[in-house]
Amino acid sequence: MLEHKKHRRRRRRKSIIPGTAPGTLTVDPDSPKPVIRVIAYGPDGLAEEQVAETGQLSRYPAGWSVVWTNVDGLGDEATLRELGEHFGLHRLALEDVVSLGQRPKVEIYENCLFAVARMPVEEPSEETEQISLFLGEKFILTFQERSGDCFDGVRARIRQGRTAIRRSGPDYLAYALIDAVIDAYFPVVEQVGEELDLLDEEVLESPQRDTVSKIHGVKHRLQALRRAIGPHREVINALLRDSEDFIEPETAIHLRDCYDHLLRLSERVEVYREHCADLMSSYLTIVSNRMNEVMKVLTIIATIFIPLSFVAGLYGMNFNPEISRWNMPELNWFLGYPFALVVMALLAGGMVLFFWRKGWFD
């Protein structure tokens, strides 16, 4: 848990200074420098390269059906401004690109559509990375915080000839990228489900002291996944409802399937959250039952020894019988000690038999 808190402190972003003018780019100096990769394709051709400067983007004319420019890293304000000028991006949208921690959303501008999504990262699994996507006429522009993403499958489909993505426009590529982000949550959610199954066995068979912290850790991850997955439904709804100028009807059909994936993810997360709450309740119940068993054993032992302590205390007073005939007449009795032991044994045996017949030993 301590390592997790340290990691969260390391990932804390520099906030925007209050009163800053709209459109101001506040770039994190620790962010990686931008790496620009371009994939231009059409039904009959494909060009792919990494460009060193934004001026090289003008080599991709409108003859290509789609030009996908992907930027890994947001650590250079000048490069980001040049990209904004090249693609005609609104300064407020460009500000959202560098203002990490944005909620998934869709905004419509005059020449393009701007969408923000949250992509899951491998470690820690509750963290997400902001993906900023611009959809315009014959181009897709994406910004990522760092290199490494879930788009390898999309790139592989583009490199293959005669695929639907090669025959379609940029709106279909935008759908493919959003769908890849959403599908990337399935392994994360399934991993949480496997951890819950292991915790279920641990709680029922051998709960440990750290079981509670494990359950709280899974609960925290599920809350983070819920916050990340839920707003994407608003993104898909906005694309289906308000983006007729950028989304073709055929692509809208695929987006509805994407929405169905989100519903499945949301339902699974909710089920796991309920399972997590049930695990905590079961753990507390099992621990309480164990404590009750211990207390029952101690109570039985204490109850058995109460009369024995009385007999031992009574005959341990040692009042001199020579002073009074009422003082401990058994003190000088030849069989006094065995008699006391027999009385205590009978009392203990009788109480054990009574408790057994009452079912207190079950």
Protein backbone atom coordinates (compact mmCIF):
# COMPACT_ATOMS: atom_id res chain seq x y z
CA MET A 1 0.00 0.00 0.00
CA LEU A 2 2.87 2.37 0.81
CA GLU A 3 4.48 1.71 -2.59
CA HIS A 4 1.15 2.47 -4.24
CA LYS A 5 0.91 5.84 -2.50
CA LYS A 6 4.48 6.67 -3.51
CA HIS A 7 3.64 5.84 -7.12
CA ARG A 8 0.60 8.08 -7.01
CA ARG A 9 2.73 10.94 -5.68
CA ARG A 10 5.22 10.45 -8.51
CA ARG A 11 2.42 10.64 -11.09
CA ARG A 12 0.86 13.79 -9.67
CA ARG A 13 0.70 16.40 -12.39
CA LYS A 14 1.57 20.05 -12.17
CA SER A 15 -1.69 21.95 -11.93
CA ILE A 16 -2.61 24.94 -14.06
CA ILE A 17 -2.00 28.29 -12.39
CA PRO A 18 -5.35 29.96 -11.60
CA GLY A 19 -6.08 32.92 -13.85
CA THR A 20 -4.02 31.62 -16.77
CA ALA A 21 -5.30 32.76 -20.16
CA PRO A 22 -7.38 30.19 -22.09
CA GLY A 23 -5.29 28.18 -24.52
CA THR A 24 -2.10 28.42 -22.49
CA LEU A 25 0.02 25.29 -22.83
CA THR A 26 1.41 24.15 -19.48
CA VAL A 27 3.85 21.43 -20.50
CA ASP A 28 5.28 19.10 -17.89
CA PRO A 29 9.08 19.39 -18.19
CA ASP A 30 9.45 15.74 -17.14
CA SER A 31 7.30 14.50 -20.02
CA PRO A 32 9.04 12.65 -22.88
CA LYS A 33 9.85 14.61 -26.01
CA PRO A 34 7.36 14.13 -28.84
CA VAL A 35 7.99 11.27 -31.28
CA ILE A 36 5.89 11.64 -34.44
CA ARG A 37 4.90 8.62 -36.52
CA VAL A 38 2.79 8.79 -39.64
CA ILE A 39 0.77 6.08 -41.35
CA ALA A 40 -0.87 7.15 -44.62
CA TYR A 41 -2.99 4.63 -46.45
CA GLY A 42 -5.69 4.01 -48.98
CA PRO A 43 -7.25 0.94 -50.62
CA ASP A 44 -4.21 0.45 -52.84
CA GLY A 45 -1.27 1.90 -50.92
CA LEU A 46 0.45 2.41 -47.61
CA ALA A 47 3.22 4.72 -46.38
CA GLU A 48 4.63 4.58 -42.88
CA GLU A 49 7.52 6.48 -41.32
CA GLN A 50 8.76 8.39 -38.29
CA VAL A 51 9.28 12.09 -39.00
CA ALA A 52 11.83 14.23 -37.23
CA GLU A 53 9.96 17.56 -37.52
CA THR A 54 6.45 18.74 -38.22
CA GLY A 55 7.41 20.30 -41.55
CA GLN A 56 7.78 16.83 -43.03
CA LEU A 57 4.04 16.24 -42.57
CA SER A 58 3.35 18.34 -45.68
CA ARG A 59 4.76 15.47 -47.77
CA TYR A 60 1.47 13.61 -47.28
CA PRO A 61 -0.96 15.19 -49.71
CA ALA A 62 -4.69 14.77 -49.83
CA GLY A 63 -4.30 11.86 -52.25
CA TRP A 64 -4.25 9.43 -49.35
CA SER A 65 -7.60 8.29 -48.00
CA VAL A 66 -6.40 8.60 -44.41
CA VAL A 67 -3.29 10.08 -42.82
CA TRP A 68 -2.84 8.98 -39.19
CA THR A 69 -0.30 11.04 -37.24
CA ASN A 70 0.51 9.68 -33.80
CA VAL A 71 2.51 11.70 -31.26
CA ASP A 72 4.15 9.91 -28.30
CA GLY A 73 5.22 12.37 -25.61
CA LEU A 74 4.10 15.89 -24.72
CA GLY A 75 7.35 17.42 -23.49
CA ASP A 76 7.97 20.06 -26.19
CA GLU A 77 5.64 23.07 -26.34
CA ALA A 78 7.04 24.32 -29.65
CA THR A 79 6.38 21.02 -31.42
CA LEU A 80 2.85 20.86 -30.05
CA ARG A 81 2.11 24.39 -31.26
CA GLU A 82 3.48 23.57 -34.71
CA LEU A 83 1.24 20.52 -34.88
CA GLY A 84 -1.70 22.65 -33.83
CA GLU A 85 -1.00 25.14 -36.60
CA HIS A 86 -0.45 22.42 -39.20
CA PHE A 87 -3.78 20.71 -38.50
CA GLY A 88 -5.70 23.86 -37.59
CA LEU A 89 -6.47 22.79 -34.03
CA HIS A 90 -8.33 25.08 -31.67
CA ARG A 91 -6.11 26.40 -28.90
CA LEU A 92 -8.54 25.21 -26.20
CA ALA A 93 -8.40 21.67 -27.58
CA LEU A 94 -4.61 21.83 -27.66
CA GLU A 95 -4.65 23.00 -24.03
CA ASP A 96 -6.73 19.93 -23.12
CA VAL A 97 -4.13 17.73 -24.81
CA VAL A 98 -1.39 18.81 -22.40
CA SER A 99 -3.72 19.13 -19.39
CA LEU A 100 -3.48 15.51 -18.40
CA GLY A 101 -6.16 13.98 -16.23
CA GLN A 102 -8.99 15.03 -18.55
CA ARG A 103 -12.28 13.21 -18.27
CA PRO A 104 -13.30 11.27 -21.42
CA LYS A 105 -15.29 13.64 -23.59
CA VAL A 106 -16.13 14.74 -27.13
CA GLU A 107 -16.05 18.30 -28.48
CA ILE A 108 -17.02 19.45 -31.94
CA TYR A 109 -15.03 22.19 -33.67
CA GLU A 110 -15.45 23.73 -37.09
CA ASN A 111 -12.88 21.63 -38.91
CA CYS A 112 -12.48 18.60 -36.65
CA LEU A 113 -13.83 16.47 -33.85
CA PHE A 114 -11.88 16.25 -30.60
CA ALA A 115 -12.20 13.25 -28.28
CA VAL A 116 -10.43 12.27 -25.07
CA ALA A 117 -10.19 8.67 -23.88
CA ARG A 118 -8.46 6.96 -20.96
CA MET A 119 -6.26 3.99 -21.91
CA PRO A 120 -5.31 1.45 -19.21
CA VAL A 121 -1.63 0.91 -18.50
CA GLU A 122 -0.02 -2.32 -17.35
CA GLU A 123 1.42 -1.25 -13.97
CA PRO A 124 -0.24 -0.25 -11.76
CA SER A 125 -3.41 -1.60 -13.31
CA GLU A 126 -5.68 1.12 -11.86
CA GLU A 127 -3.75 3.89 -13.64
CA THR A 128 -4.82 5.19 -17.05
CA GLU A 129 -3.15 7.24 -19.76
CA GLN A 130 -4.85 10.07 -21.59
CA ILE A 131 -5.38 9.60 -25.32
CA SER A 132 -6.33 12.73 -27.26
CA LEU A 133 -7.80 12.17 -30.72
CA PHE A 134 -8.61 14.62 -33.49
CA LEU A 135 -10.78 13.50 -36.39
CA GLY A 136 -10.86 15.69 -39.47
CA GLU A 137 -11.26 15.41 -43.19
CA LYS A 138 -8.92 12.60 -44.26
CA PHE A 139 -6.76 12.79 -41.14
CA ILE A 140 -6.50 11.38 -37.64
CA LEU A 141 -4.19 12.98 -35.08
CA THR A 142 -3.56 11.24 -31.75
CA PHE A 143 -1.52 12.38 -28.74
CA GLN A 144 -0.23 10.04 -26.05
CA GLU A 145 1.61 10.76 -22.80
CA ARG A 146 4.39 8.31 -23.62
CA SER A 147 5.29 5.52 -26.03
CA GLY A 148 3.52 2.21 -25.75
CA ASP A 149 -0.17 1.71 -26.42
CA CYS A 150 -2.87 -0.80 -27.31
CA PHE A 151 -2.98 0.12 -31.03
CA ASP A 152 -0.66 -2.57 -32.39
CA GLY A 153 -3.65 -4.58 -33.58
CA VAL A 154 -5.01 -1.55 -35.44
CA ARG A 155 -1.63 -0.94 -37.07
CA ALA A 156 -1.45 -4.59 -38.12
CA ARG A 157 -4.88 -4.33 -39.76
CA ILE A 158 -3.80 -1.20 -41.62
CA ARG A 159 -0.67 -2.92 -42.94
CA GLN A 160 -2.77 -5.77 -44.29
CA GLY A 161 -4.32 -5.22 -47.69
CA ARG A 162 -8.01 -5.55 -48.48
CA THR A 163 -9.23 -4.96 -44.93
CA ALA A 164 -12.24 -2.88 -43.95
CA ILE A 165 -10.04 -0.27 -42.33
CA ARG A 166 -8.08 0.22 -45.59
CA ARG A 167 -11.29 0.72 -47.55
CA SER A 168 -12.84 3.14 -45.05
CA GLY A 169 -12.29 6.74 -44.09
CA PRO A 170 -10.79 8.39 -41.02
CA ASP A 171 -14.00 7.98 -39.01
CA TYR A 172 -13.59 4.21 -39.14
CA LEU A 173 -10.00 4.54 -37.93
CA ALA A 174 -11.23 6.72 -35.07
CA TYR A 175 -13.72 4.01 -34.17
CA ALA A 176 -11.01 1.34 -34.36
CA LEU A 177 -8.76 3.29 -32.01
CA ILE A 178 -11.53 3.94 -29.49
CA ASP A 179 -12.59 0.31 -29.69
CA ALA A 180 -9.00 -0.79 -29.04
CA VAL A 181 -8.89 1.41 -25.93
CA ILE A 182 -12.14 -0.04 -24.63
CA ASP A 183 -11.14 -3.62 -25.38
CA ALA A 184 -7.87 -3.04 -23.49
CA TYR A 185 -9.93 -2.88 -20.29
CA PHE A 186 -11.15 -6.46 -20.63
CA PRO A 187 -7.81 -8.10 -19.61
CA VAL A 188 -7.51 -5.66 -16.70
CA VAL A 189 -11.02 -6.41 -15.45
CA GLU A 190 -10.50 -10.15 -15.94
CA GLN A 191 -7.29 -9.97 -13.90
CA VAL A 192 -9.22 -8.33 -11.08
CA GLY A 193 -11.79 -11.12 -11.32
CA GLU A 194 -9.05 -13.75 -10.99
CA GLU A 195 -7.67 -11.97 -7.93
CA LEU A 196 -11.15 -11.96 -6.40
CA ASP A 197 -11.44 -15.72 -6.97
CA LEU A 198 -8.13 -16.27 -5.18
CA LEU A 199 -9.24 -13.99 -2.35
CA ASP A 200 -12.50 -15.91 -2.14
CA GLU A 201 -10.60 -19.14 -1.54
CA GLU A 202 -8.28 -17.43 0.94
CA VAL A 203 -11.17 -15.96 2.93
CA LEU A 204 -13.02 -19.28 3.15
CA GLU A 205 -10.02 -21.50 3.82
CA SER A 206 -7.29 -19.56 5.60
CA PRO A 207 -7.84 -15.80 6.07
CA GLN A 208 -4.65 -13.98 7.00
CA ARG A 209 -3.91 -10.65 8.63
CA ASP A 210 -3.21 -9.02 5.25
CA THR A 211 -6.42 -10.33 3.67
CA VAL A 212 -8.26 -7.12 4.53
CA SER A 213 -5.58 -4.98 2.86
CA LYS A 214 -5.76 -7.19 -0.24
CA ILE A 215 -9.53 -6.76 -0.43
CA HIS A 216 -9.20 -3.00 0.02
CA GLY A 217 -6.56 -2.94 -2.73
CA VAL A 218 -8.88 -4.70 -5.18
CA LYS A 219 -11.74 -2.42 -4.14
CA HIS A 220 -9.59 0.63 -4.86
CA ARG A 221 -8.70 -0.71 -8.31
CA LEU A 222 -12.35 -1.37 -9.10
CA GLN A 223 -13.27 2.18 -8.11
CA ALA A 224 -10.54 3.51 -10.40
CA LEU A 225 -11.74 1.30 -13.26
CA ARG A 226 -15.29 2.42 -12.69
CA ARG A 227 -14.27 6.08 -12.91
CA ALA A 228 -12.28 5.39 -16.07
CA ILE A 229 -14.80 3.21 -17.92
CA GLY A 230 -18.06 4.98 -17.09
CA PRO A 231 -17.48 8.32 -18.90
CA HIS A 232 -16.62 6.51 -22.15
CA ARG A 233 -20.31 5.77 -22.55
CA GLU A 234 -20.95 9.50 -22.80
CA VAL A 235 -18.22 9.66 -25.46
CA ILE A 236 -19.89 6.99 -27.59
CA ASN A 237 -23.32 8.59 -27.11
CA ALA A 238 -21.94 11.95 -28.20
CA LEU A 239 -20.33 10.40 -31.28
CA LEU A 240 -23.62 8.74 -32.21
CA ARG A 241 -25.77 11.76 -31.43
CA ASP A 242 -23.84 14.89 -32.40
CA SER A 243 -21.20 13.84 -34.94
CA GLU A 244 -23.11 13.30 -38.17
CA ASP A 245 -20.69 15.58 -40.03
CA PHE A 246 -17.70 13.39 -39.07
CA ILE A 247 -19.14 9.88 -38.51
CA GLU A 248 -20.58 7.89 -41.40
CA PRO A 249 -23.75 5.81 -40.78
CA GLU A 250 -21.83 2.57 -41.36
CA THR A 251 -19.29 3.56 -38.73
CA ALA A 252 -22.10 4.46 -36.33
CA ILE A 253 -23.20 0.81 -36.42
CA HIS A 254 -19.75 -0.23 -35.21
CA LEU A 255 -19.85 2.43 -32.51
CA ARG A 256 -23.05 0.91 -31.16
CA ASP A 257 -21.19 -2.38 -30.81
CA CYS A 258 -18.48 -0.45 -28.99
CA TYR A 259 -21.13 0.88 -26.62
CA ASP A 260 -22.23 -2.69 -25.94
CA HIS A 261 -18.66 -3.55 -24.93
CA LEU A 262 -18.72 -0.66 -22.48
CA LEU A 263 -21.95 -1.92 -20.94
CA ARG A 264 -20.41 -5.35 -20.47
CA LEU A 265 -17.37 -3.84 -18.81
CA SER A 266 -19.46 -1.64 -16.54
CA GLU A 267 -21.68 -4.52 -15.49
CA ARG A 268 -18.68 -6.72 -14.77
CA VAL A 269 -17.04 -4.01 -12.68
CA GLU A 270 -20.24 -3.56 -10.68
CA VAL A 271 -20.49 -7.32 -10.10
CA TYR A 272 -16.90 -7.41 -8.90
CA ARG A 273 -17.50 -4.47 -6.59
CA GLU A 274 -20.43 -6.33 -5.01
CA HIS A 275 -18.25 -9.45 -4.80
CA CYS A 276 -15.59 -7.38 -3.06
CA ALA A 277 -18.12 -6.13 -0.51
CA ASP A 278 -19.34 -9.71 0.04
CA LEU A 279 -15.75 -10.86 0.58
CA MET A 280 -15.21 -8.23 3.25
CA SER A 281 -18.45 -9.21 4.95
CA SER A 282 -17.52 -12.90 4.77
CA TYR A 283 -14.06 -12.19 6.18
CA LEU A 284 -15.48 -10.26 9.12
CA THR A 285 -18.06 -12.99 9.73
CA ILE A 286 -15.44 -15.75 9.68
CA VAL A 287 -13.11 -13.82 11.97
CA SER A 288 -16.02 -13.09 14.31
CA ASN A 289 -17.02 -16.76 14.33
CA ARG A 290 -13.47 -17.78 15.13
CA MET A 291 -13.39 -15.29 17.98
CA ASN A 292 -16.71 -16.62 19.20
CA GLU A 293 -15.34 -20.17 19.17
CA VAL A 294 -12.33 -19.07 21.18
CA MET A 295 -14.53 -17.19 23.62
CA LYS A 296 -16.83 -20.19 23.94
CA VAL A 297 -13.95 -22.49 24.83
CA LEU A 298 -12.57 -19.99 27.33
CA THR A 299 -16.02 -19.49 28.82
CA ILE A 300 -16.57 -23.22 29.23
CA ILE A 301 -13.18 -23.64 30.87
CA ALA A 302 -13.77 -20.69 33.18
CA THR A 303 -17.27 -21.94 34.05
CA ILE A 304 -15.93 -25.41 34.91
CA PHE A 305 -13.23 -23.96 37.15
CA ILE A 306 -15.54 -21.58 39.04
CA PRO A 307 -16.97 -24.28 41.40
CA LEU A 308 -13.56 -25.93 41.63
CA SER A 309 -12.07 -22.62 42.70
CA PHE A 310 -14.86 -22.30 45.26
CA VAL A 311 -14.12 -25.72 46.76
CA ALA A 312 -10.38 -25.09 46.75
CA GLY A 313 -10.86 -21.65 48.31
CA LEU A 314 -13.26 -23.00 50.92
CA TYR A 315 -10.89 -25.70 52.10
CA GLY A 316 -7.91 -23.43 51.84
CA MET A 317 -9.01 -21.10 54.63
CA ASN A 318 -7.54 -23.40 57.38
CA PHE A 319 -9.56 -22.17 60.37
CA ASN A 320 -8.33 -23.97 63.50
CA PRO A 321 -10.93 -26.60 64.54
CA GLU A 322 -9.57 -26.59 68.10
CA ILE A 323 -10.90 -23.10 68.65
CA SER A 324 -14.43 -23.91 67.52
CA ARG A 325 -16.21 -27.06 66.48
CA TRP A 326 -17.56 -25.15 63.49
CA ASN A 327 -14.09 -24.38 62.18
CA MET A 328 -13.07 -26.77 59.38
CA PRO A 329 -14.07 -30.11 60.89
CA GLU A 330 -12.66 -31.80 57.75
CA LEU A 331 -9.20 -30.40 58.46
CA ASN A 332 -8.19 -33.36 60.59
CA TRP A 333 -10.18 -35.92 58.61
CA PHE A 334 -8.06 -38.82 57.30
CA LEU A 335 -9.82 -38.81 53.89
CA GLY A 336 -10.38 -35.05 53.68
CA TYR A 337 -8.00 -34.35 50.81
CA PRO A 338 -9.20 -37.27 48.61
CA PHE A 339 -12.78 -36.26 49.42
CA ALA A 340 -12.15 -32.72 48.18
CA LEU A 341 -10.53 -33.99 44.98
CA VAL A 342 -13.45 -36.36 44.34
CA VAL A 343 -15.95 -33.57 44.89
CA MET A 344 -14.10 -31.31 42.45
CA ALA A 345 -13.85 -34.13 39.87
CA LEU A 346 -17.56 -34.85 40.16
CA LEU A 347 -18.43 -31.20 39.79
CA ALA A 348 -16.21 -30.84 36.71
CA GLY A 349 -17.50 -34.06 35.15
CA GLY A 350 -21.10 -33.11 35.85
CA MET A 351 -20.70 -29.71 34.23
CA VAL A 352 -18.94 -31.18 31.18
CA LEU A 353 -21.81 -33.66 30.80
CA PHE A 354 -24.35 -30.86 31.16
CA PHE A 355 -22.62 -28.72 28.51
CA TRP A 356 -22.35 -31.68 26.16
CA ARG A 357 -26.06 -32.50 26.46
CA LYS A 358 -26.84 -28.83 25.75
CA GLY A 359 -24.75 -29.05 22.55
CA TRP A 360 -22.26 -26.40 23.60
CA PHE A 361 -19.35 -28.45 22.29
CA ASP A 362 -20.66 -28.56 18.71
